[in-house]
Amino acid sequence: MTVKAWLAVRAVELGASLCTAGVLIAGLAIGVPFLRDRIPETLLYSFCCVSAVLLRAAIDLAIRGTMLAARTIRTAAPVATRLEPSGA
């Protein structure tokens, strides 16, 4: 997956989570009864919705970075050569 594609996918996920959080907070602001009855849960869900997307992106980025570093180290490692006794 290219960097541009990865960023596009994460942007869609972040946009969806921000939209969900925005709808919940807007529902609280306009006084939707079933949301007003559960204000702490609604705010917590809004926070968790956005945080989960950011945490997933951070974990994914860390794993991809580790894999890239491991591949770089593996290809940079010198090839073992076998030493043969000369002319004996």
N, C-alpha and C. Protein backbone atom coordinates (compact mmCIF):
# COMPACT_ATOMS: atom_id res chain seq x y z
N MET A 1 0.85 -1.16 0.00
CA MET A 1 0.00 0.00 0.00
C MET A 1 0.90 1.24 0.00
N THR A 2 0.61 2.14 -0.88
CA THR A 2 1.42 3.36 -0.96
C THR A 2 1.05 4.32 0.16
N VAL A 3 1.92 5.28 0.38
CA VAL A 3 1.69 6.27 1.43
C VAL A 3 0.42 7.07 1.15
N LYS A 4 0.23 7.42 -0.11
CA LYS A 4 -0.95 8.20 -0.48
C LYS A 4 -2.24 7.41 -0.22
N ALA A 5 -2.24 6.13 -0.56
CA ALA A 5 -3.41 5.29 -0.32
C ALA A 5 -3.66 5.10 1.17
N TRP A 6 -2.58 4.91 1.94
CA TRP A 6 -2.70 4.75 3.39
C TRP A 6 -3.30 6.00 4.01
N LEU A 7 -2.80 7.17 3.60
CA LEU A 7 -3.34 8.42 4.13
C LEU A 7 -4.80 8.63 3.74
N ALA A 8 -5.16 8.24 2.54
CA ALA A 8 -6.54 8.37 2.10
C ALA A 8 -7.48 7.50 2.94
N VAL A 9 -7.07 6.27 3.20
CA VAL A 9 -7.89 5.37 4.01
C VAL A 9 -8.03 5.91 5.43
N ARG A 10 -6.93 6.37 6.01
CA ARG A 10 -6.99 6.92 7.38
C ARG A 10 -7.82 8.20 7.43
N ALA A 11 -7.77 9.00 6.38
CA ALA A 11 -8.56 10.23 6.34
C ALA A 11 -10.05 9.91 6.30
N VAL A 12 -10.43 8.88 5.56
CA VAL A 12 -11.83 8.47 5.51
C VAL A 12 -12.28 7.97 6.88
N GLU A 13 -11.46 7.16 7.53
CA GLU A 13 -11.81 6.66 8.86
C GLU A 13 -11.94 7.80 9.85
N LEU A 14 -11.00 8.73 9.81
CA LEU A 14 -11.05 9.86 10.73
C LEU A 14 -12.26 10.74 10.45
N GLY A 15 -12.55 10.97 9.19
CA GLY A 15 -13.73 11.75 8.84
C GLY A 15 -15.01 11.11 9.33
N ALA A 16 -15.11 9.80 9.19
CA ALA A 16 -16.31 9.10 9.66
C ALA A 16 -16.45 9.18 11.17
N SER A 17 -15.34 9.03 11.89
CA SER A 17 -15.42 9.10 13.35
C SER A 17 -15.73 10.51 13.82
N LEU A 18 -15.18 11.52 13.16
CA LEU A 18 -15.48 12.90 13.52
C LEU A 18 -16.94 13.24 13.21
N CYS A 19 -17.45 12.70 12.13
CA CYS A 19 -18.86 12.91 11.78
C CYS A 19 -19.77 12.28 12.82
N THR A 20 -19.45 11.06 13.23
CA THR A 20 -20.24 10.38 14.26
C THR A 20 -20.21 11.16 15.56
N ALA A 21 -19.02 11.58 15.97
CA ALA A 21 -18.90 12.37 17.20
C ALA A 21 -19.66 13.68 17.07
N GLY A 22 -19.58 14.31 15.92
CA GLY A 22 -20.29 15.56 15.70
C GLY A 22 -21.80 15.41 15.78
N VAL A 23 -22.31 14.32 15.22
CA VAL A 23 -23.75 14.06 15.28
C VAL A 23 -24.19 13.86 16.73
N LEU A 24 -23.41 13.12 17.48
CA LEU A 24 -23.76 12.89 18.89
C LEU A 24 -23.73 14.19 19.70
N ILE A 25 -22.68 14.98 19.52
CA ILE A 25 -22.57 16.25 20.26
C ILE A 25 -23.66 17.22 19.81
N ALA A 26 -23.96 17.25 18.51
CA ALA A 26 -25.03 18.11 18.02
C ALA A 26 -26.38 17.66 18.59
N GLY A 27 -26.55 16.37 18.71
CA GLY A 27 -27.78 15.85 19.32
C GLY A 27 -27.93 16.30 20.76
N LEU A 28 -26.82 16.31 21.48
CA LEU A 28 -26.85 16.84 22.85
C LEU A 28 -27.19 18.33 22.84
N ALA A 29 -26.60 19.07 21.91
CA ALA A 29 -26.78 20.52 21.86
C ALA A 29 -28.24 20.90 21.56
N ILE A 30 -28.89 20.11 20.69
CA ILE A 30 -30.27 20.47 20.37
C ILE A 30 -31.27 19.83 21.32
N GLY A 31 -30.79 18.98 22.22
CA GLY A 31 -31.65 18.44 23.28
C GLY A 31 -32.40 17.18 22.94
N VAL A 32 -31.80 16.29 22.18
CA VAL A 32 -32.43 15.00 21.89
C VAL A 32 -32.59 14.24 23.21
N PRO A 33 -33.83 13.85 23.54
CA PRO A 33 -34.10 13.28 24.87
C PRO A 33 -33.25 12.06 25.25
N PHE A 34 -33.14 11.07 24.36
CA PHE A 34 -32.39 9.87 24.75
C PHE A 34 -30.89 10.12 24.86
N LEU A 35 -30.38 11.18 24.23
CA LEU A 35 -28.98 11.55 24.42
C LEU A 35 -28.79 12.37 25.69
N ARG A 36 -29.76 13.25 25.99
CA ARG A 36 -29.66 14.06 27.20
C ARG A 36 -29.73 13.20 28.45
N ASP A 37 -30.42 12.08 28.37
CA ASP A 37 -30.50 11.18 29.53
C ASP A 37 -29.18 10.49 29.80
N ARG A 38 -28.33 10.44 28.80
CA ARG A 38 -27.04 9.74 28.93
C ARG A 38 -25.89 10.64 28.49
N ILE A 39 -25.78 11.81 29.06
CA ILE A 39 -24.76 12.78 28.66
C ILE A 39 -23.34 12.22 28.83
N PRO A 40 -22.99 11.64 29.99
CA PRO A 40 -21.61 11.13 30.14
C PRO A 40 -21.26 10.04 29.12
N GLU A 41 -22.21 9.13 28.88
CA GLU A 41 -21.95 8.05 27.93
C GLU A 41 -21.80 8.59 26.51
N THR A 42 -22.61 9.58 26.18
CA THR A 42 -22.55 10.16 24.84
C THR A 42 -21.22 10.85 24.61
N LEU A 43 -20.77 11.63 25.59
CA LEU A 43 -19.47 12.31 25.46
C LEU A 43 -18.32 11.31 25.43
N LEU A 44 -18.41 10.28 26.27
CA LEU A 44 -17.37 9.26 26.28
C LEU A 44 -17.31 8.52 24.95
N TYR A 45 -18.47 8.17 24.40
CA TYR A 45 -18.50 7.47 23.11
C TYR A 45 -17.92 8.36 22.01
N SER A 46 -18.24 9.64 22.04
CA SER A 46 -17.71 10.57 21.03
C SER A 46 -16.19 10.62 21.11
N PHE A 47 -15.66 10.72 22.33
CA PHE A 47 -14.21 10.75 22.53
C PHE A 47 -13.57 9.44 22.09
N CYS A 48 -14.16 8.33 22.49
CA CYS A 48 -13.59 7.02 22.15
C CYS A 48 -13.63 6.74 20.65
N CYS A 49 -14.65 7.22 20.00
CA CYS A 49 -14.80 7.01 18.56
C CYS A 49 -13.62 7.62 17.80
N VAL A 50 -13.27 8.85 18.14
CA VAL A 50 -12.15 9.53 17.48
C VAL A 50 -10.82 8.95 17.96
N SER A 51 -10.70 8.69 19.26
CA SER A 51 -9.44 8.16 19.81
C SER A 51 -9.08 6.80 19.23
N ALA A 52 -10.09 5.96 19.01
CA ALA A 52 -9.83 4.62 18.46
C ALA A 52 -9.22 4.71 17.07
N VAL A 53 -9.72 5.62 16.25
CA VAL A 53 -9.18 5.78 14.90
C VAL A 53 -7.73 6.29 14.96
N LEU A 54 -7.47 7.26 15.82
CA LEU A 54 -6.11 7.79 15.94
C LEU A 54 -5.16 6.74 16.50
N LEU A 55 -5.61 5.96 17.49
CA LEU A 55 -4.76 4.91 18.06
C LEU A 55 -4.48 3.81 17.02
N ARG A 56 -5.48 3.43 16.26
CA ARG A 56 -5.27 2.42 15.22
C ARG A 56 -4.27 2.89 14.18
N ALA A 57 -4.37 4.15 13.79
CA ALA A 57 -3.43 4.70 12.82
C ALA A 57 -2.01 4.71 13.38
N ALA A 58 -1.86 5.07 14.65
CA ALA A 58 -0.53 5.10 15.28
C ALA A 58 0.06 3.69 15.37
N ILE A 59 -0.76 2.72 15.76
CA ILE A 59 -0.27 1.34 15.85
C ILE A 59 0.10 0.81 14.47
N ASP A 60 -0.74 1.07 13.49
CA ASP A 60 -0.47 0.63 12.11
C ASP A 60 0.82 1.25 11.59
N LEU A 61 1.00 2.54 11.86
CA LEU A 61 2.21 3.23 11.42
C LEU A 61 3.45 2.66 12.11
N ALA A 62 3.35 2.37 13.40
CA ALA A 62 4.48 1.79 14.14
C ALA A 62 4.85 0.41 13.60
N ILE A 63 3.85 -0.40 13.31
CA ILE A 63 4.12 -1.74 12.77
C ILE A 63 4.75 -1.65 11.38
N ARG A 64 4.21 -0.76 10.54
CA ARG A 64 4.79 -0.59 9.21
C ARG A 64 6.23 -0.07 9.29
N GLY A 65 6.50 0.83 10.21
CA GLY A 65 7.86 1.34 10.38
C GLY A 65 8.81 0.26 10.85
N THR A 66 8.35 -0.57 11.77
CA THR A 66 9.18 -1.67 12.27
C THR A 66 9.47 -2.68 11.16
N MET A 67 8.45 -3.00 10.36
CA MET A 67 8.67 -3.94 9.25
C MET A 67 9.63 -3.36 8.22
N LEU A 68 9.51 -2.08 7.93
CA LEU A 68 10.41 -1.43 6.98
C LEU A 68 11.85 -1.44 7.51
N ALA A 69 12.00 -1.15 8.80
CA ALA A 69 13.34 -1.17 9.40
C ALA A 69 13.93 -2.58 9.37
N ALA A 70 13.12 -3.58 9.66
CA ALA A 70 13.60 -4.96 9.65
C ALA A 70 14.01 -5.37 8.24
N ARG A 71 13.23 -4.98 7.24
CA ARG A 71 13.60 -5.29 5.86
C ARG A 71 14.89 -4.59 5.46
N THR A 72 15.05 -3.35 5.89
CA THR A 72 16.25 -2.59 5.56
C THR A 72 17.48 -3.22 6.20
N ILE A 73 17.34 -3.63 7.46
CA ILE A 73 18.47 -4.25 8.16
C ILE A 73 18.81 -5.58 7.52
N ARG A 74 17.79 -6.35 7.15
CA ARG A 74 18.03 -7.66 6.54
C ARG A 74 18.77 -7.52 5.21
N THR A 75 18.39 -6.56 4.39
CA THR A 75 19.05 -6.41 3.09
C THR A 75 20.42 -5.76 3.23
N ALA A 76 20.63 -5.01 4.29
CA ALA A 76 21.92 -4.36 4.48
C ALA A 76 22.94 -5.28 5.14
N ALA A 77 22.51 -6.39 5.70
CA ALA A 77 23.41 -7.31 6.37
C ALA A 77 24.36 -7.93 5.33
N PRO A 78 25.64 -8.04 5.68
CA PRO A 78 26.59 -8.62 4.74
C PRO A 78 26.31 -10.12 4.54
N VAL A 79 26.55 -10.57 3.35
CA VAL A 79 26.37 -11.97 3.02
C VAL A 79 27.56 -12.74 3.58
N ALA A 80 27.28 -13.81 4.27
CA ALA A 80 28.36 -14.62 4.85
C ALA A 80 29.14 -15.29 3.72
N THR A 81 30.46 -15.20 3.79
CA THR A 81 31.30 -15.87 2.79
C THR A 81 32.03 -17.00 3.46
N ARG A 82 32.23 -18.02 2.69
CA ARG A 82 32.91 -19.19 3.22
C ARG A 82 34.39 -19.09 2.88
N LEU A 83 35.20 -19.22 3.89
CA LEU A 83 36.64 -19.14 3.65
C LEU A 83 37.19 -20.54 3.45
N GLU A 84 37.84 -20.73 2.32
CA GLU A 84 38.44 -22.01 1.99
C GLU A 84 39.96 -21.91 2.19
N PRO A 85 40.58 -22.95 2.63
CA PRO A 85 42.04 -22.90 2.74
C PRO A 85 42.66 -22.75 1.34
N SER A 86 43.66 -21.92 1.25
CA SER A 86 44.25 -21.65 -0.06
C SER A 86 45.42 -22.58 -0.35
N GLY A 87 45.42 -23.19 -1.50
CA GLY A 87 46.50 -23.95 -2.11
C GLY A 87 47.18 -25.01 -1.26
N ALA A 88 46.61 -25.57 -0.28
CA ALA A 88 47.29 -26.55 0.54
C ALA A 88 47.15 -27.91 0.03
